[in-house]
Amino acid sequence: MSALPFTKMHGLGNDYVYVDGFVHQVDDPASLARQVSDRHRGIGSDGLILVMPPDHGTGAQVRMRMFNADGSESEMCGNGVRCVCKFAIDRGLATANPLRVQTGRGVLSLAWTTGEDGPVDSVRVDMGAPILASARIPASHAGLDADAPVVGHRALAAALRSAVGDAGWGAIEPVATLVSMGNPHLVLWCPGVESIDLSQVGPVLERHAAFPSRINVHVVQVIDRGNVRMRTWERGSGITQACGTGACAVAVAGVLEGRTRDSIRAQLPGGTLVLEWAGGESSVFMTGPATTVFEGTWQPSLAAVST
């Protein structure tokens, strides 16, 4: 592969390396994701996102492919898709508002606004309806009905606690809720998110046998019915500053369990997202910023020398 131009972007600190797939072909994106994500020998990121031409007949203007830091491909990334919108609009790859983006979740609609200097600075994403049936999360465990939601489930929580150990589980409540936003999420509630050692809990739960496709793990503290605080262990990337799909899952879980209103502000380590879900088959809406950090050129020959 020859020298590859890239853009480093982030949504609330959830950072990715973006490549213009309209111009540049990446033959081995999984390998490239692992290289560029290395925060000591690479660019440093939570993964790689390719902004590409959409498949014919989708009605989308651009397509997003997202790879985690470990090279695994994920279906969807809420913070990443906002930055895809900014990348595409700021560079003239598309002009539509709302912009339609093809993802592993399907085609999503993104309404964008500009800042004082012109480029896109905030995006409201129609994330689609949450997926709640346990088989579609996917999750499989004794006591789970494949066609039923997993909301405030005590038996599953007990199995997860056993895997982590009482000391690691700490003050997490003995209930577990599962939500898919095209990618799988486990929502756990606690009185204070900083008291939970995510570096201990996260990797165990991500790869628990109940989750055949692994899972994103979120610990959440309810401040009041309109505000939550959350921390995330992201599947394939570890602890991240923010998770957009995870915040959507938390909003859904909060409504299903009667803990929060249908519109909340989620405080993540990297900043705040606004989430809305009216329940049932309605879409979850997520609003937040998209930020360009810098542009550069990846030199694979130099990367090979450094590793």
C-alpha atoms as a PDB file:
ATOM      1  CA  MET A   1       0.000   0.000   0.000  1.00  0.00           C
ATOM      2  CA  SER A   2       1.291   3.450  -0.904  1.00  0.00           C
ATOM      3  CA  ALA A   3       1.148   6.529   1.316  1.00  0.00           C
ATOM      4  CA  LEU A   4      -2.432   6.976   2.545  1.00  0.00           C
ATOM      5  CA  PRO A   5      -3.976  10.354   3.448  1.00  0.00           C
ATOM      6  CA  PHE A   6      -6.141  10.228   6.584  1.00  0.00           C
ATOM      7  CA  THR A   7      -8.097  12.464   8.934  1.00  0.00           C
ATOM      8  CA  LYS A   8      -8.177  12.041  12.703  1.00  0.00           C
ATOM      9  CA  MET A   9     -11.642  12.891  14.099  1.00  0.00           C
ATOM     10  CA  HIS A  10     -13.549  12.369  17.325  1.00  0.00           C
ATOM     11  CA  GLY A  11     -17.021  12.509  18.788  1.00  0.00           C
ATOM     12  CA  LEU A  12     -16.694  13.385  22.493  1.00  0.00           C
ATOM     13  CA  GLY A  13     -13.219  11.863  22.579  1.00  0.00           C
ATOM     14  CA  ASN A  14     -14.289   8.602  20.888  1.00  0.00           C
ATOM     15  CA  ASP A  15     -11.592   8.937  18.213  1.00  0.00           C
ATOM     16  CA  TYR A  16     -11.100   7.237  14.861  1.00  0.00           C
ATOM     17  CA  VAL A  17      -8.868   7.472  11.828  1.00  0.00           C
ATOM     18  CA  TYR A  18     -10.948   8.263   8.711  1.00  0.00           C
ATOM     19  CA  VAL A  19      -9.996   7.398   5.132  1.00  0.00           C
ATOM     20  CA  ASP A  20     -11.686   8.656   1.952  1.00  0.00           C
ATOM     21  CA  GLY A  21     -12.774   5.424   0.296  1.00  0.00           C
ATOM     22  CA  PHE A  22     -14.073   7.359  -2.714  1.00  0.00           C
ATOM     23  CA  VAL A  23     -10.428   7.940  -3.672  1.00  0.00           C
ATOM     24  CA  HIS A  24      -8.308   5.358  -1.833  1.00  0.00           C
ATOM     25  CA  GLN A  25      -8.698   1.581  -1.690  1.00  0.00           C
ATOM     26  CA  VAL A  26      -7.764  -0.202   1.545  1.00  0.00           C
ATOM     27  CA  ASP A  27      -7.182  -3.891   0.821  1.00  0.00           C
ATOM     28  CA  ASP A  28      -6.737  -5.045   4.433  1.00  0.00           C
ATOM     29  CA  PRO A  29      -8.689  -2.679   6.699  1.00  0.00           C
ATOM     30  CA  ALA A  30      -8.464  -5.020   9.709  1.00  0.00           C
ATOM     31  CA  SER A  31      -4.660  -4.914   9.649  1.00  0.00           C
ATOM     32  CA  LEU A  32      -4.624  -1.169   9.012  1.00  0.00           C
ATOM     33  CA  ALA A  33      -7.004  -0.611  11.939  1.00  0.00           C
ATOM     34  CA  ARG A  34      -4.644  -2.414  14.306  1.00  0.00           C
ATOM     35  CA  GLN A  35      -1.653  -0.416  13.062  1.00  0.00           C
ATOM     36  CA  VAL A  36      -3.140   3.072  13.082  1.00  0.00           C
ATOM     37  CA  SER A  37      -4.933   2.577  16.408  1.00  0.00           C
ATOM     38  CA  ASP A  38      -1.715   1.888  18.330  1.00  0.00           C
ATOM     39  CA  ARG A  39      -1.285   4.930  20.582  1.00  0.00           C
ATOM     40  CA  HIS A  40       2.490   4.442  20.833  1.00  0.00           C
ATOM     41  CA  ARG A  41       3.540   3.282  17.346  1.00  0.00           C
ATOM     42  CA  GLY A  42       0.597   4.408  15.235  1.00  0.00           C
ATOM     43  CA  ILE A  43      -1.661   7.440  14.948  1.00  0.00           C
ATOM     44  CA  GLY A  44      -3.644   6.530  18.049  1.00  0.00           C
ATOM     45  CA  SER A  45      -7.386   5.861  17.919  1.00  0.00           C
ATOM     46  CA  ASP A  46     -10.269   3.638  18.938  1.00  0.00           C
ATOM     47  CA  GLY A  47     -10.296   2.265  15.389  1.00  0.00           C
ATOM     48  CA  LEU A  48     -10.520   2.920  11.661  1.00  0.00           C
ATOM     49  CA  ILE A  49     -13.506   4.184   9.657  1.00  0.00           C
ATOM     50  CA  LEU A  50     -13.737   4.078   5.863  1.00  0.00           C
ATOM     51  CA  VAL A  51     -16.034   6.616   4.163  1.00  0.00           C
ATOM     52  CA  MET A  52     -17.013   4.940   0.909  1.00  0.00           C
ATOM     53  CA  PRO A  53     -19.448   5.061  -2.001  1.00  0.00           C
ATOM     54  CA  PRO A  54     -22.743   3.417  -1.018  1.00  0.00           C
ATOM     55  CA  ASP A  55     -23.999   0.176  -2.485  1.00  0.00           C
ATOM     56  CA  HIS A  56     -26.308   0.593  -5.473  1.00  0.00           C
ATOM     57  CA  GLY A  57     -29.992   0.860  -4.608  1.00  0.00           C
ATOM     58  CA  THR A  58     -29.579   1.805  -0.940  1.00  0.00           C
ATOM     59  CA  GLY A  59     -30.606   5.432  -1.419  1.00  0.00           C
ATOM     60  CA  ALA A  60     -27.612   6.500   0.674  1.00  0.00           C
ATOM     61  CA  GLN A  61     -25.058   9.140  -0.264  1.00  0.00           C
ATOM     62  CA  VAL A  62     -22.104   7.541   1.561  1.00  0.00           C
ATOM     63  CA  ARG A  63     -21.243   4.253   3.276  1.00  0.00           C
ATOM     64  CA  MET A  64     -19.433   3.736   6.572  1.00  0.00           C
ATOM     65  CA  ARG A  65     -17.304   0.700   7.429  1.00  0.00           C
ATOM     66  CA  MET A  66     -15.962   0.689  10.991  1.00  0.00           C
ATOM     67  CA  PHE A  67     -13.127  -1.398  12.434  1.00  0.00           C
ATOM     68  CA  ASN A  68     -12.239  -1.566  16.113  1.00  0.00           C
ATOM     69  CA  ALA A  69      -8.716  -1.160  17.442  1.00  0.00           C
ATOM     70  CA  ASP A  70      -8.278  -4.952  17.478  1.00  0.00           C
ATOM     71  CA  GLY A  71      -9.197  -5.180  13.779  1.00  0.00           C
ATOM     72  CA  SER A  72     -12.684  -6.612  14.267  1.00  0.00           C
ATOM     73  CA  GLU A  73     -15.416  -5.025  12.164  1.00  0.00           C
ATOM     74  CA  SER A  74     -18.393  -3.553  13.988  1.00  0.00           C
ATOM     75  CA  GLU A  75     -21.876  -2.941  12.668  1.00  0.00           C
ATOM     76  CA  MET A  76     -22.282   0.594  13.914  1.00  0.00           C
ATOM     77  CA  CYS A  77     -20.728   3.484  15.873  1.00  0.00           C
ATOM     78  CA  GLY A  78     -22.830   6.453  16.940  1.00  0.00           C
ATOM     79  CA  ASN A  79     -19.959   8.865  17.498  1.00  0.00           C
ATOM     80  CA  GLY A  80     -18.267   7.580  14.367  1.00  0.00           C
ATOM     81  CA  VAL A  81     -21.272   8.077  12.119  1.00  0.00           C
ATOM     82  CA  ARG A  82     -21.592  11.731  13.200  1.00  0.00           C
ATOM     83  CA  CYS A  83     -17.988  12.236  12.126  1.00  0.00           C
ATOM     84  CA  VAL A  84     -18.688  10.443   8.842  1.00  0.00           C
ATOM     85  CA  CYS A  85     -21.339  13.082   8.223  1.00  0.00           C
ATOM     86  CA  LYS A  86     -18.871  15.891   8.933  1.00  0.00           C
ATOM     87  CA  PHE A  87     -16.178  14.218   6.813  1.00  0.00           C
ATOM     88  CA  ALA A  88     -18.518  13.809   3.836  1.00  0.00           C
ATOM     89  CA  ILE A  89     -20.113  17.263   3.969  1.00  0.00           C
ATOM     90  CA  ASP A  90     -16.967  19.249   4.764  1.00  0.00           C
ATOM     91  CA  ARG A  91     -15.120  17.600   1.855  1.00  0.00           C
ATOM     92  CA  GLY A  92     -17.921  17.888  -0.669  1.00  0.00           C
ATOM     93  CA  LEU A  93     -18.481  14.130  -0.984  1.00  0.00           C
ATOM     94  CA  ALA A  94     -22.178  14.855  -0.402  1.00  0.00           C
ATOM     95  CA  THR A  95     -24.427  17.860   0.214  1.00  0.00           C
ATOM     96  CA  ALA A  96     -27.758  16.362   1.314  1.00  0.00           C
ATOM     97  CA  ASN A  97     -29.314  17.435   4.616  1.00  0.00           C
ATOM     98  CA  PRO A  98     -30.338  15.107   6.054  1.00  0.00           C
ATOM     99  CA  LEU A  99     -27.493  12.923   4.855  1.00  0.00           C
ATOM    100  CA  ARG A 100     -28.223   9.233   4.394  1.00  0.00           C
ATOM    101  CA  VAL A 101     -25.402   6.931   5.489  1.00  0.00           C
ATOM    102  CA  GLN A 102     -25.242   3.192   4.770  1.00  0.00           C
ATOM    103  CA  THR A 103     -24.050   1.292   7.854  1.00  0.00           C
ATOM    104  CA  GLY A 104     -24.060  -2.273   9.140  1.00  0.00           C
ATOM    105  CA  ARG A 105     -27.292  -1.307  10.900  1.00  0.00           C
ATOM    106  CA  GLY A 106     -28.901  -0.154   7.662  1.00  0.00           C
ATOM    107  CA  VAL A 107     -29.274   3.307   6.137  1.00  0.00           C
ATOM    108  CA  LEU A 108     -29.453   6.062   8.765  1.00  0.00           C
ATOM    109  CA  SER A 109     -30.623   9.660   8.371  1.00  0.00           C
ATOM    110  CA  LEU A 110     -28.381  12.411   9.801  1.00  0.00           C
ATOM    111  CA  ALA A 111     -29.469  16.050  10.105  1.00  0.00           C
ATOM    112  CA  TRP A 112     -26.474  18.393  10.437  1.00  0.00           C
ATOM    113  CA  THR A 113     -25.847  21.984  11.428  1.00  0.00           C
ATOM    114  CA  THR A 114     -22.829  24.181  10.833  1.00  0.00           C
ATOM    115  CA  GLY A 115     -20.749  26.264  13.208  1.00  0.00           C
ATOM    116  CA  GLU A 116     -19.612  29.858  12.867  1.00  0.00           C
ATOM    117  CA  ASP A 117     -16.758  28.887  10.514  1.00  0.00           C
ATOM    118  CA  GLY A 118     -18.964  26.841   8.195  1.00  0.00           C
ATOM    119  CA  PRO A 119     -18.032  23.147   8.638  1.00  0.00           C
ATOM    120  CA  VAL A 120     -20.441  20.707  10.259  1.00  0.00           C
ATOM    121  CA  ASP A 121     -20.253  20.859  14.064  1.00  0.00           C
ATOM    122  CA  SER A 122     -23.390  19.090  15.356  1.00  0.00           C
ATOM    123  CA  VAL A 123     -25.358  16.122  14.051  1.00  0.00           C
ATOM    124  CA  ARG A 124     -28.740  14.637  15.037  1.00  0.00           C
ATOM    125  CA  VAL A 125     -28.913  10.982  14.045  1.00  0.00           C
ATOM    126  CA  ASP A 126     -32.019   8.863  13.566  1.00  0.00           C
ATOM    127  CA  MET A 127     -30.507   5.669  14.995  1.00  0.00           C
ATOM    128  CA  GLY A 128     -33.514   3.501  14.193  1.00  0.00           C
ATOM    129  CA  ALA A 129     -35.634   1.487  16.609  1.00  0.00           C
ATOM    130  CA  PRO A 130     -33.840  -0.527  19.296  1.00  0.00           C
ATOM    131  CA  ILE A 131     -33.602  -4.286  18.909  1.00  0.00           C
ATOM    132  CA  LEU A 132     -34.725  -6.038  22.099  1.00  0.00           C
ATOM    133  CA  ALA A 133     -35.353  -9.745  21.429  1.00  0.00           C
ATOM    134  CA  SER A 134     -32.528 -11.643  23.127  1.00  0.00           C
ATOM    135  CA  ALA A 135     -31.736 -13.820  20.102  1.00  0.00           C
ATOM    136  CA  ARG A 136     -31.190 -10.694  18.014  1.00  0.00           C
ATOM    137  CA  ILE A 137     -28.860  -8.986  20.526  1.00  0.00           C
ATOM    138  CA  PRO A 138     -27.533 -11.771  20.324  1.00  0.00           C
ATOM    139  CA  ALA A 139     -27.607 -13.384  23.786  1.00  0.00           C
ATOM    140  CA  SER A 140     -28.108 -16.958  24.893  1.00  0.00           C
ATOM    141  CA  HIS A 141     -28.387 -18.083  28.516  1.00  0.00           C
ATOM    142  CA  ALA A 142     -30.593 -20.251  30.687  1.00  0.00           C
ATOM    143  CA  GLY A 143     -33.851 -18.464  31.401  1.00  0.00           C
ATOM    144  CA  LEU A 144     -33.722 -16.142  28.368  1.00  0.00           C
ATOM    145  CA  ASP A 145     -36.602 -16.332  25.898  1.00  0.00           C
ATOM    146  CA  ALA A 146     -35.173 -15.896  22.390  1.00  0.00           C
ATOM    147  CA  ASP A 147     -38.081 -13.655  21.307  1.00  0.00           C
ATOM    148  CA  ALA A 148     -38.402 -11.620  24.514  1.00  0.00           C
ATOM    149  CA  PRO A 149     -36.584  -8.526  25.791  1.00  0.00           C
ATOM    150  CA  VAL A 150     -33.996  -8.869  28.550  1.00  0.00           C
ATOM    151  CA  VAL A 151     -34.913  -6.051  30.933  1.00  0.00           C
ATOM    152  CA  GLY A 152     -33.842  -5.916  34.568  1.00  0.00           C
ATOM    153  CA  HIS A 153     -32.907  -9.595  34.374  1.00  0.00           C
ATOM    154  CA  ARG A 154     -31.674 -11.023  37.675  1.00  0.00           C
ATOM    155  CA  ALA A 155     -30.593 -14.516  36.596  1.00  0.00           C
ATOM    156  CA  LEU A 156     -28.367 -13.157  33.840  1.00  0.00           C
ATOM    157  CA  ALA A 157     -26.918 -10.570  36.218  1.00  0.00           C
ATOM    158  CA  ALA A 158     -26.150 -13.319  38.736  1.00  0.00           C
ATOM    159  CA  ALA A 159     -24.243 -15.300  36.094  1.00  0.00           C
ATOM    160  CA  LEU A 160     -22.287 -12.217  35.056  1.00  0.00           C
ATOM    161  CA  ARG A 161     -21.478 -11.409  38.673  1.00  0.00           C
ATOM    162  CA  SER A 162     -20.222 -14.943  39.205  1.00  0.00           C
ATOM    163  CA  ALA A 163     -17.875 -14.557  36.229  1.00  0.00           C
ATOM    164  CA  VAL A 164     -16.507 -11.215  37.422  1.00  0.00           C
ATOM    165  CA  GLY A 165     -16.388 -12.044  41.138  1.00  0.00           C
ATOM    166  CA  ASP A 166     -18.035 -10.166  43.998  1.00  0.00           C
ATOM    167  CA  ALA A 167     -15.088  -7.798  44.452  1.00  0.00           C
ATOM    168  CA  GLY A 168     -15.096  -6.750  40.800  1.00  0.00           C
ATOM    169  CA  TRP A 169     -18.890  -6.471  40.649  1.00  0.00           C
ATOM    170  CA  GLY A 170     -18.876  -4.153  43.648  1.00  0.00           C
ATOM    171  CA  ALA A 171     -21.904  -1.869  43.896  1.00  0.00           C
ATOM    172  CA  ILE A 172     -23.438  -2.814  40.539  1.00  0.00           C
ATOM    173  CA  GLU A 173     -27.146  -3.603  40.975  1.00  0.00           C
ATOM    174  CA  PRO A 174     -28.182  -7.278  40.555  1.00  0.00           C
ATOM    175  CA  VAL A 175     -30.061  -6.689  37.277  1.00  0.00           C
ATOM    176  CA  ALA A 176     -28.973  -6.643  33.617  1.00  0.00           C
ATOM    177  CA  THR A 177     -30.619  -5.138  30.531  1.00  0.00           C
ATOM    178  CA  LEU A 178     -29.659  -5.871  26.914  1.00  0.00           C
ATOM    179  CA  VAL A 179     -30.243  -3.586  23.931  1.00  0.00           C
ATOM    180  CA  SER A 180     -28.971  -3.728  20.366  1.00  0.00           C
ATOM    181  CA  MET A 181     -28.642  -0.600  18.249  1.00  0.00           C
ATOM    182  CA  GLY A 182     -27.336  -2.760  15.424  1.00  0.00           C
ATOM    183  CA  ASN A 183     -24.496  -3.691  17.786  1.00  0.00           C
ATOM    184  CA  PRO A 184     -24.944  -5.351  21.206  1.00  0.00           C
ATOM    185  CA  HIS A 185     -25.006  -3.550  24.564  1.00  0.00           C
ATOM    186  CA  LEU A 186     -25.171  -4.607  28.206  1.00  0.00           C
ATOM    187  CA  VAL A 187     -26.502  -1.930  30.595  1.00  0.00           C
ATOM    188  CA  LEU A 188     -25.667  -2.186  34.305  1.00  0.00           C
ATOM    189  CA  TRP A 189     -26.746   0.313  36.964  1.00  0.00           C
ATOM    190  CA  CYS A 190     -24.768   1.493  39.971  1.00  0.00           C
ATOM    191  CA  PRO A 191     -24.789   4.384  42.478  1.00  0.00           C
ATOM    192  CA  GLY A 192     -21.430   5.749  41.259  1.00  0.00           C
ATOM    193  CA  VAL A 193     -19.705   4.897  37.974  1.00  0.00           C
ATOM    194  CA  GLU A 194     -16.234   5.855  39.186  1.00  0.00           C
ATOM    195  CA  SER A 195     -16.351   3.122  41.823  1.00  0.00           C
ATOM    196  CA  ILE A 196     -16.415   0.366  39.187  1.00  0.00           C
ATOM    197  CA  ASP A 197     -13.101  -0.973  37.859  1.00  0.00           C
ATOM    198  CA  LEU A 198     -14.002  -1.233  34.173  1.00  0.00           C
ATOM    199  CA  SER A 199     -10.573  -2.593  33.314  1.00  0.00           C
ATOM    200  CA  GLN A 200     -11.456  -5.641  35.416  1.00  0.00           C
ATOM    201  CA  VAL A 201     -15.167  -5.965  34.672  1.00  0.00           C
ATOM    202  CA  GLY A 202     -15.164  -5.010  30.987  1.00  0.00           C
ATOM    203  CA  PRO A 203     -13.027  -7.717  29.372  1.00  0.00           C
ATOM    204  CA  VAL A 204     -14.725 -10.515  31.319  1.00  0.00           C
ATOM    205  CA  LEU A 205     -18.240  -9.421  30.402  1.00  0.00           C
ATOM    206  CA  GLU A 206     -17.361  -8.544  26.796  1.00  0.00           C
ATOM    207  CA  ARG A 207     -16.385 -12.165  26.148  1.00  0.00           C
ATOM    208  CA  HIS A 208     -18.882 -13.914  28.447  1.00  0.00           C
ATOM    209  CA  ALA A 209     -20.359 -17.076  26.959  1.00  0.00           C
ATOM    210  CA  ALA A 210     -23.845 -15.519  27.032  1.00  0.00           C
ATOM    211  CA  PHE A 211     -22.787 -13.138  24.234  1.00  0.00           C
ATOM    212  CA  PRO A 212     -21.699 -15.051  21.109  1.00  0.00           C
ATOM    213  CA  SER A 213     -20.774 -11.854  19.239  1.00  0.00           C
ATOM    214  CA  ARG A 214     -19.189 -10.285  22.346  1.00  0.00           C
ATOM    215  CA  ILE A 215     -20.805  -7.164  23.817  1.00  0.00           C
ATOM    216  CA  ASN A 216     -20.288  -3.518  24.764  1.00  0.00           C
ATOM    217  CA  VAL A 217     -20.485  -2.973  28.520  1.00  0.00           C
ATOM    218  CA  HIS A 218     -21.869   0.175  30.200  1.00  0.00           C
ATOM    219  CA  VAL A 219     -22.085   1.086  33.871  1.00  0.00           C
ATOM    220  CA  VAL A 220     -24.630   3.825  34.479  1.00  0.00           C
ATOM    221  CA  GLN A 221     -25.536   6.148  37.345  1.00  0.00           C
ATOM    222  CA  VAL A 222     -28.900   7.948  37.385  1.00  0.00           C
ATOM    223  CA  ILE A 223     -28.432  11.554  38.503  1.00  0.00           C
ATOM    224  CA  ASP A 224     -32.113  12.374  38.017  1.00  0.00           C
ATOM    225  CA  ARG A 225     -34.807  11.336  35.535  1.00  0.00           C
ATOM    226  CA  GLY A 226     -33.359  13.575  32.832  1.00  0.00           C
ATOM    227  CA  ASN A 227     -29.638  12.979  33.393  1.00  0.00           C
ATOM    228  CA  VAL A 228     -27.345   9.968  33.659  1.00  0.00           C
ATOM    229  CA  ARG A 229     -23.611   9.456  33.972  1.00  0.00           C
ATOM    230  CA  MET A 230     -22.038   6.477  32.183  1.00  0.00           C
ATOM    231  CA  ARG A 231     -18.744   4.775  31.451  1.00  0.00           C
ATOM    232  CA  THR A 232     -18.065   2.262  28.678  1.00  0.00           C
ATOM    233  CA  TRP A 233     -15.960  -0.775  27.921  1.00  0.00           C
ATOM    234  CA  GLU A 234     -16.210  -0.943  24.121  1.00  0.00           C
ATOM    235  CA  ARG A 235     -16.104  -4.292  22.359  1.00  0.00           C
ATOM    236  CA  GLY A 236     -12.752  -4.598  20.592  1.00  0.00           C
ATOM    237  CA  SER A 237     -11.353  -1.287  21.876  1.00  0.00           C
ATOM    238  CA  GLY A 238     -11.557  -1.271  25.693  1.00  0.00           C
ATOM    239  CA  ILE A 239     -12.338   1.793  27.794  1.00  0.00           C
ATOM    240  CA  THR A 240     -13.413   4.703  25.585  1.00  0.00           C
ATOM    241  CA  GLN A 241     -14.254   8.338  26.193  1.00  0.00           C
ATOM    242  CA  ALA A 242     -17.728   7.939  24.717  1.00  0.00           C
ATOM    243  CA  CYS A 243     -20.025   5.468  22.973  1.00  0.00           C
ATOM    244  CA  GLY A 244     -22.917   6.844  20.949  1.00  0.00           C
ATOM    245  CA  THR A 245     -24.758   3.581  20.359  1.00  0.00           C
ATOM    246  CA  GLY A 246     -24.154   2.763  24.024  1.00  0.00           C
ATOM    247  CA  ALA A 247     -25.734   6.036  25.118  1.00  0.00           C
ATOM    248  CA  CYS A 248     -28.744   5.174  22.946  1.00  0.00           C
ATOM    249  CA  ALA A 249     -28.946   1.760  24.608  1.00  0.00           C
ATOM    250  CA  VAL A 250     -28.802   3.409  28.030  1.00  0.00           C
ATOM    251  CA  ALA A 251     -31.650   5.753  27.062  1.00  0.00           C
ATOM    252  CA  VAL A 252     -33.758   2.778  25.971  1.00  0.00           C
ATOM    253  CA  ALA A 253     -32.921   0.788  29.105  1.00  0.00           C
ATOM    254  CA  GLY A 254     -33.785   3.765  31.301  1.00  0.00           C
ATOM    255  CA  VAL A 255     -37.249   4.081  29.769  1.00  0.00           C
ATOM    256  CA  LEU A 256     -37.921   0.320  29.826  1.00  0.00           C
ATOM    257  CA  GLU A 257     -36.969   0.103  33.504  1.00  0.00           C
ATOM    258  CA  GLY A 258     -38.789   3.310  34.477  1.00  0.00           C
ATOM    259  CA  ARG A 259     -35.605   5.002  35.650  1.00  0.00           C
ATOM    260  CA  THR A 260     -35.503   7.944  33.211  1.00  0.00           C
ATOM    261  CA  ARG A 261     -37.660  10.137  30.998  1.00  0.00           C
ATOM    262  CA  ASP A 262     -37.933   9.673  27.234  1.00  0.00           C
ATOM    263  CA  SER A 263     -35.412  12.486  26.699  1.00  0.00           C
ATOM    264  CA  ILE A 264     -32.133  12.510  28.619  1.00  0.00           C
ATOM    265  CA  ARG A 265     -28.667  13.964  28.696  1.00  0.00           C
ATOM    266  CA  ALA A 266     -25.966  11.309  29.030  1.00  0.00           C
ATOM    267  CA  GLN A 267     -22.729  12.511  30.611  1.00  0.00           C
ATOM    268  CA  LEU A 268     -19.778  10.514  29.307  1.00  0.00           C
ATOM    269  CA  PRO A 269     -16.071  11.047  30.120  1.00  0.00           C
ATOM    270  CA  GLY A 270     -15.684  12.874  26.788  1.00  0.00           C
ATOM    271  CA  GLY A 271     -18.776  15.089  27.035  1.00  0.00           C
ATOM    272  CA  THR A 272     -22.576  15.046  26.786  1.00  0.00           C
ATOM    273  CA  LEU A 273     -25.006  13.483  24.317  1.00  0.00           C
ATOM    274  CA  VAL A 274     -28.737  14.201  24.045  1.00  0.00           C
ATOM    275  CA  LEU A 275     -30.918  11.091  23.558  1.00  0.00           C
ATOM    276  CA  GLU A 276     -34.626  10.784  22.790  1.00  0.00           C
ATOM    277  CA  TRP A 277     -36.787   7.652  22.645  1.00  0.00           C
ATOM    278  CA  ALA A 278     -40.579   7.655  22.756  1.00  0.00           C
ATOM    279  CA  GLY A 279     -40.787   3.901  23.286  1.00  0.00           C
ATOM    280  CA  GLY A 280     -42.189   1.036  21.233  1.00  0.00           C
ATOM    281  CA  GLU A 281     -41.019   0.845  17.618  1.00  0.00           C
ATOM    282  CA  SER A 282     -40.007   4.510  17.452  1.00  0.00           C
ATOM    283  CA  SER A 283     -36.482   5.549  16.565  1.00  0.00           C
ATOM    284  CA  VAL A 284     -33.851   6.603  19.046  1.00  0.00           C
ATOM    285  CA  PHE A 285     -32.454  10.049  18.249  1.00  0.00           C
ATOM    286  CA  MET A 286     -28.926  11.029  19.260  1.00  0.00           C
ATOM    287  CA  THR A 287     -27.507  14.563  19.032  1.00  0.00           C
ATOM    288  CA  GLY A 288     -23.871  15.460  19.569  1.00  0.00           C
ATOM    289  CA  PRO A 289     -20.750  17.090  18.127  1.00  0.00           C
ATOM    290  CA  ALA A 290     -18.269  15.950  15.478  1.00  0.00           C
ATOM    291  CA  THR A 291     -14.720  17.309  15.530  1.00  0.00           C
ATOM    292  CA  THR A 292     -11.724  17.182  13.201  1.00  0.00           C
ATOM    293  CA  VAL A 293      -8.398  16.875  15.043  1.00  0.00           C
ATOM    294  CA  PHE A 294      -5.803  16.826  12.261  1.00  0.00           C
ATOM    295  CA  GLU A 295      -4.958  15.459   8.827  1.00  0.00           C
ATOM    296  CA  GLY A 296      -1.874  13.545   7.791  1.00  0.00           C
ATOM    297  CA  THR A 297      -0.393  10.816   5.623  1.00  0.00           C
ATOM    298  CA  TRP A 298       0.141   7.247   6.797  1.00  0.00           C
ATOM    299  CA  GLN A 299       3.436   5.795   5.602  1.00  0.00           C
ATOM    300  CA  PRO A 300       3.176   1.979   5.846  1.00  0.00           C
ATOM    301  CA  SER A 301       6.921   1.507   5.247  1.00  0.00           C
ATOM    302  CA  LEU A 302       7.739   3.677   8.261  1.00  0.00           C
ATOM    303  CA  ALA A 303       5.133   1.870  10.352  1.00  0.00           C
ATOM    304  CA  ALA A 304       6.736  -1.468   9.453  1.00  0.00           C
ATOM    305  CA  VAL A 305      10.129  -0.202  10.631  1.00  0.00           C
ATOM    306  CA  SER A 306       8.689   1.076  13.939  1.00  0.00           C
ATOM    307  CA  THR A 307       7.003  -2.251  14.753  1.00  0.00           C
END
